[in-house]
Amino acid sequence: MTVADWLTVLTTTDAPEKAEALARGAVAARVAACAQISGPVVSVYRWKGEIETASEWQVSFKTTGTRYAELETYLRREHDYETPEIIATPVDRGSREYLEWLERETAG
């Protein structure tokens, strides 16, 4: 298993102000170079034996593979869900300038 150089990390939350707080905090801490908020989206899932439907806001963070663990730690600490969605997808390609900017912004 190898660590990707760059990642998009997704989480969801139940209010736009919570999404913005997570996004701003991650960028301020330099565990993400940027974050986009989309929503509301409708999520359907099974929780504690029941099928639930909820409006949520998605937050997509851009980070490096070396900063992923710190971003995950931040999300686990700051998120108010018992089991927050935290999914990382590798970025295979991107413009050189953008990826260099991403690395600079997360270097601290």
N, C-alpha and C. Protein backbone atom coordinates (compact mmCIF):
# COMPACT_ATOMS: atom_id res chain seq x y z
N MET A 1 0.83 -1.18 0.00
CA MET A 1 0.00 0.00 0.00
C MET A 1 0.88 1.25 0.00
N THR A 2 0.58 2.18 -0.87
CA THR A 2 1.35 3.41 -0.92
C THR A 2 0.44 4.59 -0.57
N VAL A 3 1.06 5.64 -0.13
CA VAL A 3 0.32 6.86 0.20
C VAL A 3 0.31 7.74 -1.05
N ALA A 4 -0.87 8.18 -1.45
CA ALA A 4 -0.98 9.08 -2.60
C ALA A 4 -0.36 10.43 -2.25
N ASP A 5 0.16 11.09 -3.26
CA ASP A 5 0.75 12.41 -3.03
C ASP A 5 -0.31 13.44 -2.66
N TRP A 6 -1.48 13.36 -3.32
CA TRP A 6 -2.54 14.34 -3.10
C TRP A 6 -3.86 13.60 -2.91
N LEU A 7 -4.74 14.18 -2.09
CA LEU A 7 -6.01 13.54 -1.77
C LEU A 7 -7.16 14.55 -1.78
N THR A 8 -8.33 14.05 -2.08
CA THR A 8 -9.58 14.74 -1.80
C THR A 8 -10.23 13.95 -0.67
N VAL A 9 -10.58 14.62 0.41
CA VAL A 9 -11.15 13.96 1.59
C VAL A 9 -12.56 14.52 1.79
N LEU A 10 -13.52 13.61 1.90
CA LEU A 10 -14.92 13.98 1.99
C LEU A 10 -15.48 13.71 3.38
N THR A 11 -16.27 14.66 3.87
CA THR A 11 -17.08 14.43 5.06
C THR A 11 -18.43 15.11 4.84
N THR A 12 -19.38 14.83 5.70
CA THR A 12 -20.69 15.48 5.66
C THR A 12 -21.05 15.92 7.07
N THR A 13 -21.94 16.91 7.12
CA THR A 13 -22.46 17.37 8.41
C THR A 13 -23.88 17.89 8.20
N ASP A 14 -24.58 18.13 9.28
CA ASP A 14 -26.02 18.42 9.17
C ASP A 14 -26.40 19.90 9.13
N ALA A 15 -25.43 20.80 9.01
CA ALA A 15 -25.76 22.22 8.95
C ALA A 15 -24.66 22.97 8.18
N PRO A 16 -25.05 23.96 7.40
CA PRO A 16 -24.03 24.68 6.62
C PRO A 16 -23.00 25.39 7.49
N GLU A 17 -23.40 25.91 8.64
CA GLU A 17 -22.43 26.59 9.50
C GLU A 17 -21.42 25.60 10.09
N LYS A 18 -21.83 24.37 10.34
CA LYS A 18 -20.90 23.35 10.81
C LYS A 18 -19.92 22.98 9.70
N ALA A 19 -20.42 22.89 8.47
CA ALA A 19 -19.55 22.59 7.33
C ALA A 19 -18.50 23.69 7.17
N GLU A 20 -18.94 24.94 7.26
CA GLU A 20 -17.98 26.05 7.11
C GLU A 20 -16.97 26.06 8.25
N ALA A 21 -17.39 25.76 9.46
CA ALA A 21 -16.46 25.72 10.59
C ALA A 21 -15.40 24.63 10.39
N LEU A 22 -15.83 23.45 9.92
CA LEU A 22 -14.87 22.38 9.65
C LEU A 22 -13.89 22.80 8.56
N ALA A 23 -14.42 23.42 7.49
CA ALA A 23 -13.58 23.84 6.37
C ALA A 23 -12.57 24.91 6.82
N ARG A 24 -13.05 25.94 7.49
CA ARG A 24 -12.17 27.02 7.93
C ARG A 24 -11.10 26.53 8.90
N GLY A 25 -11.50 25.66 9.82
CA GLY A 25 -10.54 25.14 10.79
C GLY A 25 -9.45 24.31 10.16
N ALA A 26 -9.81 23.50 9.18
CA ALA A 26 -8.81 22.66 8.50
C ALA A 26 -7.83 23.51 7.70
N VAL A 27 -8.35 24.53 7.02
CA VAL A 27 -7.47 25.41 6.25
C VAL A 27 -6.58 26.22 7.19
N ALA A 28 -7.15 26.73 8.27
CA ALA A 28 -6.37 27.50 9.24
C ALA A 28 -5.25 26.66 9.84
N ALA A 29 -5.52 25.38 10.09
CA ALA A 29 -4.53 24.47 10.67
C ALA A 29 -3.55 23.93 9.63
N ARG A 30 -3.79 24.28 8.35
CA ARG A 30 -2.96 23.83 7.24
C ARG A 30 -2.96 22.32 7.04
N VAL A 31 -4.01 21.66 7.50
CA VAL A 31 -4.16 20.22 7.21
C VAL A 31 -4.92 20.03 5.90
N ALA A 32 -5.44 21.13 5.35
CA ALA A 32 -6.05 21.14 4.01
C ALA A 32 -5.70 22.48 3.37
N ALA A 33 -5.49 22.45 2.06
CA ALA A 33 -5.19 23.70 1.35
C ALA A 33 -6.47 24.47 1.08
N CYS A 34 -7.55 23.76 0.86
CA CYS A 34 -8.84 24.40 0.61
C CYS A 34 -9.94 23.37 0.86
N ALA A 35 -11.16 23.86 0.87
CA ALA A 35 -12.31 22.98 1.05
C ALA A 35 -13.49 23.58 0.31
N GLN A 36 -14.28 22.75 -0.32
CA GLN A 36 -15.51 23.19 -0.97
C GLN A 36 -16.69 22.59 -0.22
N ILE A 37 -17.75 23.38 -0.10
CA ILE A 37 -18.96 22.94 0.59
C ILE A 37 -20.08 22.85 -0.44
N SER A 38 -20.75 21.72 -0.47
CA SER A 38 -21.89 21.51 -1.37
C SER A 38 -23.08 21.09 -0.54
N GLY A 39 -24.25 21.50 -0.99
CA GLY A 39 -25.43 21.02 -0.28
C GLY A 39 -26.58 21.99 -0.38
N PRO A 40 -27.66 21.59 0.15
CA PRO A 40 -27.80 20.31 0.86
C PRO A 40 -27.91 19.14 -0.11
N VAL A 41 -27.48 17.99 0.37
CA VAL A 41 -27.66 16.72 -0.31
C VAL A 41 -28.56 15.87 0.58
N VAL A 42 -29.22 14.91 0.01
CA VAL A 42 -30.06 14.00 0.79
C VAL A 42 -29.28 12.71 1.00
N SER A 43 -29.06 12.35 2.24
CA SER A 43 -28.37 11.10 2.59
C SER A 43 -29.38 10.10 3.12
N VAL A 44 -29.28 8.88 2.65
CA VAL A 44 -30.11 7.77 3.13
C VAL A 44 -29.14 6.71 3.65
N TYR A 45 -29.33 6.27 4.89
CA TYR A 45 -28.38 5.35 5.51
C TYR A 45 -29.06 4.58 6.64
N ARG A 46 -28.43 3.50 7.02
CA ARG A 46 -28.92 2.72 8.16
C ARG A 46 -28.10 3.14 9.38
N TRP A 47 -28.80 3.48 10.47
CA TRP A 47 -28.13 3.88 11.70
C TRP A 47 -28.88 3.25 12.87
N LYS A 48 -28.16 2.42 13.62
CA LYS A 48 -28.71 1.75 14.81
C LYS A 48 -29.99 0.99 14.47
N GLY A 49 -29.95 0.28 13.34
CA GLY A 49 -31.04 -0.59 12.94
C GLY A 49 -32.18 0.07 12.20
N GLU A 50 -32.15 1.36 12.03
CA GLU A 50 -33.22 2.09 11.36
C GLU A 50 -32.69 2.75 10.09
N ILE A 51 -33.53 2.84 9.06
CA ILE A 51 -33.17 3.58 7.86
C ILE A 51 -33.53 5.04 8.07
N GLU A 52 -32.53 5.90 7.90
CA GLU A 52 -32.67 7.33 8.14
C GLU A 52 -32.53 8.09 6.83
N THR A 53 -33.14 9.24 6.77
CA THR A 53 -32.97 10.18 5.67
C THR A 53 -32.67 11.54 6.29
N ALA A 54 -31.64 12.21 5.78
CA ALA A 54 -31.25 13.50 6.36
C ALA A 54 -30.70 14.42 5.29
N SER A 55 -30.90 15.72 5.50
CA SER A 55 -30.22 16.72 4.68
C SER A 55 -28.85 16.95 5.28
N GLU A 56 -27.84 16.94 4.42
CA GLU A 56 -26.47 17.15 4.89
C GLU A 56 -25.73 18.05 3.91
N TRP A 57 -24.61 18.58 4.38
CA TRP A 57 -23.72 19.38 3.55
C TRP A 57 -22.41 18.61 3.44
N GLN A 58 -21.91 18.49 2.21
CA GLN A 58 -20.65 17.79 1.96
C GLN A 58 -19.51 18.79 1.99
N VAL A 59 -18.42 18.39 2.60
CA VAL A 59 -17.21 19.19 2.60
C VAL A 59 -16.12 18.35 1.95
N SER A 60 -15.53 18.89 0.90
CA SER A 60 -14.47 18.22 0.16
C SER A 60 -13.17 18.98 0.40
N PHE A 61 -12.25 18.34 1.11
CA PHE A 61 -10.96 18.94 1.46
C PHE A 61 -9.90 18.50 0.47
N LYS A 62 -8.97 19.39 0.12
CA LYS A 62 -7.83 19.05 -0.71
C LYS A 62 -6.60 19.06 0.18
N THR A 63 -5.87 17.94 0.20
CA THR A 63 -4.71 17.84 1.07
C THR A 63 -3.66 16.95 0.43
N THR A 64 -2.57 16.76 1.12
CA THR A 64 -1.51 15.86 0.66
C THR A 64 -1.58 14.56 1.46
N GLY A 65 -1.00 13.53 0.89
CA GLY A 65 -0.97 12.25 1.58
C GLY A 65 -0.25 12.33 2.92
N THR A 66 0.77 13.16 2.99
CA THR A 66 1.51 13.28 4.24
C THR A 66 0.72 14.01 5.33
N ARG A 67 -0.29 14.79 4.95
CA ARG A 67 -1.09 15.52 5.94
C ARG A 67 -2.42 14.83 6.26
N TYR A 68 -2.69 13.69 5.58
CA TYR A 68 -3.97 13.03 5.77
C TYR A 68 -4.23 12.67 7.23
N ALA A 69 -3.28 12.06 7.89
CA ALA A 69 -3.50 11.61 9.28
C ALA A 69 -3.88 12.79 10.18
N GLU A 70 -3.23 13.93 9.96
CA GLU A 70 -3.55 15.11 10.78
C GLU A 70 -4.94 15.66 10.44
N LEU A 71 -5.33 15.61 9.15
CA LEU A 71 -6.68 16.03 8.77
C LEU A 71 -7.71 15.10 9.40
N GLU A 72 -7.47 13.80 9.34
CA GLU A 72 -8.41 12.85 9.94
C GLU A 72 -8.52 13.08 11.45
N THR A 73 -7.41 13.30 12.12
CA THR A 73 -7.44 13.58 13.56
C THR A 73 -8.25 14.84 13.84
N TYR A 74 -8.03 15.88 13.04
CA TYR A 74 -8.79 17.12 13.19
C TYR A 74 -10.29 16.86 13.02
N LEU A 75 -10.67 16.14 11.97
CA LEU A 75 -12.09 15.88 11.72
C LEU A 75 -12.71 15.06 12.84
N ARG A 76 -12.02 14.05 13.32
CA ARG A 76 -12.55 13.24 14.43
C ARG A 76 -12.74 14.08 15.69
N ARG A 77 -11.83 15.00 15.93
CA ARG A 77 -11.90 15.84 17.13
C ARG A 77 -13.00 16.91 17.01
N GLU A 78 -13.14 17.52 15.86
CA GLU A 78 -14.04 18.67 15.70
C GLU A 78 -15.44 18.31 15.24
N HIS A 79 -15.60 17.14 14.65
CA HIS A 79 -16.91 16.75 14.11
C HIS A 79 -17.83 16.32 15.24
N ASP A 80 -19.12 16.66 15.13
CA ASP A 80 -20.04 16.30 16.21
C ASP A 80 -20.78 14.98 15.96
N TYR A 81 -20.53 14.32 14.84
CA TYR A 81 -21.15 13.01 14.60
C TYR A 81 -20.40 11.94 15.38
N GLU A 82 -21.14 10.94 15.84
CA GLU A 82 -20.53 9.81 16.54
C GLU A 82 -19.59 9.06 15.61
N THR A 83 -20.00 8.86 14.37
CA THR A 83 -19.18 8.18 13.36
C THR A 83 -19.20 9.02 12.08
N PRO A 84 -18.35 10.04 12.00
CA PRO A 84 -18.38 10.89 10.81
C PRO A 84 -17.83 10.17 9.59
N GLU A 85 -18.41 10.52 8.44
CA GLU A 85 -17.87 10.04 7.18
C GLU A 85 -16.53 10.74 6.95
N ILE A 86 -15.49 9.95 6.75
CA ILE A 86 -14.18 10.48 6.38
C ILE A 86 -13.64 9.52 5.33
N ILE A 87 -13.70 9.96 4.07
CA ILE A 87 -13.29 9.11 2.95
C ILE A 87 -12.26 9.87 2.13
N ALA A 88 -11.12 9.25 1.89
CA ALA A 88 -10.06 9.87 1.09
C ALA A 88 -9.96 9.19 -0.27
N THR A 89 -9.89 10.03 -1.30
CA THR A 89 -9.74 9.55 -2.67
C THR A 89 -8.46 10.12 -3.24
N PRO A 90 -7.59 9.27 -3.79
CA PRO A 90 -6.35 9.80 -4.36
C PRO A 90 -6.61 10.63 -5.62
N VAL A 91 -5.79 11.65 -5.78
CA VAL A 91 -5.80 12.47 -6.99
C VAL A 91 -4.65 11.96 -7.85
N ASP A 92 -4.99 11.39 -8.99
CA ASP A 92 -3.96 10.83 -9.86
C ASP A 92 -3.22 11.90 -10.66
N ARG A 93 -3.95 12.92 -11.08
CA ARG A 93 -3.36 13.96 -11.90
C ARG A 93 -3.99 15.30 -11.56
N GLY A 94 -3.28 16.35 -11.89
CA GLY A 94 -3.79 17.70 -11.73
C GLY A 94 -2.79 18.66 -12.34
N SER A 95 -3.19 19.91 -12.46
CA SER A 95 -2.24 20.87 -13.03
C SER A 95 -1.06 21.02 -12.06
N ARG A 96 0.11 21.14 -12.63
CA ARG A 96 1.32 21.25 -11.84
C ARG A 96 1.23 22.43 -10.87
N GLU A 97 0.74 23.57 -11.37
CA GLU A 97 0.66 24.77 -10.54
C GLU A 97 -0.28 24.57 -9.35
N TYR A 98 -1.43 23.94 -9.59
CA TYR A 98 -2.38 23.71 -8.50
C TYR A 98 -1.80 22.76 -7.46
N LEU A 99 -1.21 21.67 -7.91
CA LEU A 99 -0.68 20.68 -6.97
C LEU A 99 0.50 21.25 -6.18
N GLU A 100 1.31 22.09 -6.81
CA GLU A 100 2.40 22.74 -6.09
C GLU A 100 1.84 23.70 -5.03
N TRP A 101 0.76 24.43 -5.39
CA TRP A 101 0.11 25.32 -4.44
C TRP A 101 -0.44 24.53 -3.26
N LEU A 102 -1.09 23.39 -3.56
CA LEU A 102 -1.65 22.53 -2.52
C LEU A 102 -0.55 22.11 -1.54
N GLU A 103 0.60 21.72 -2.08
CA GLU A 103 1.71 21.29 -1.21
C GLU A 103 2.23 22.45 -0.37
N ARG A 104 2.34 23.64 -0.97
CA ARG A 104 2.82 24.80 -0.21
C ARG A 104 1.86 25.16 0.93
N GLU A 105 0.57 25.14 0.64
CA GLU A 105 -0.43 25.53 1.63
C GLU A 105 -0.55 24.54 2.80
N THR A 106 -0.20 23.31 2.57
CA THR A 106 -0.29 22.32 3.65
C THR A 106 1.06 22.06 4.31
N ALA A 107 2.10 22.73 3.83
CA ALA A 107 3.43 22.52 4.40
C ALA A 107 3.56 23.19 5.76
N GLY A 108 2.73 24.18 6.03
CA GLY A 108 2.80 24.87 7.31
C GLY A 108 3.88 25.90 7.27
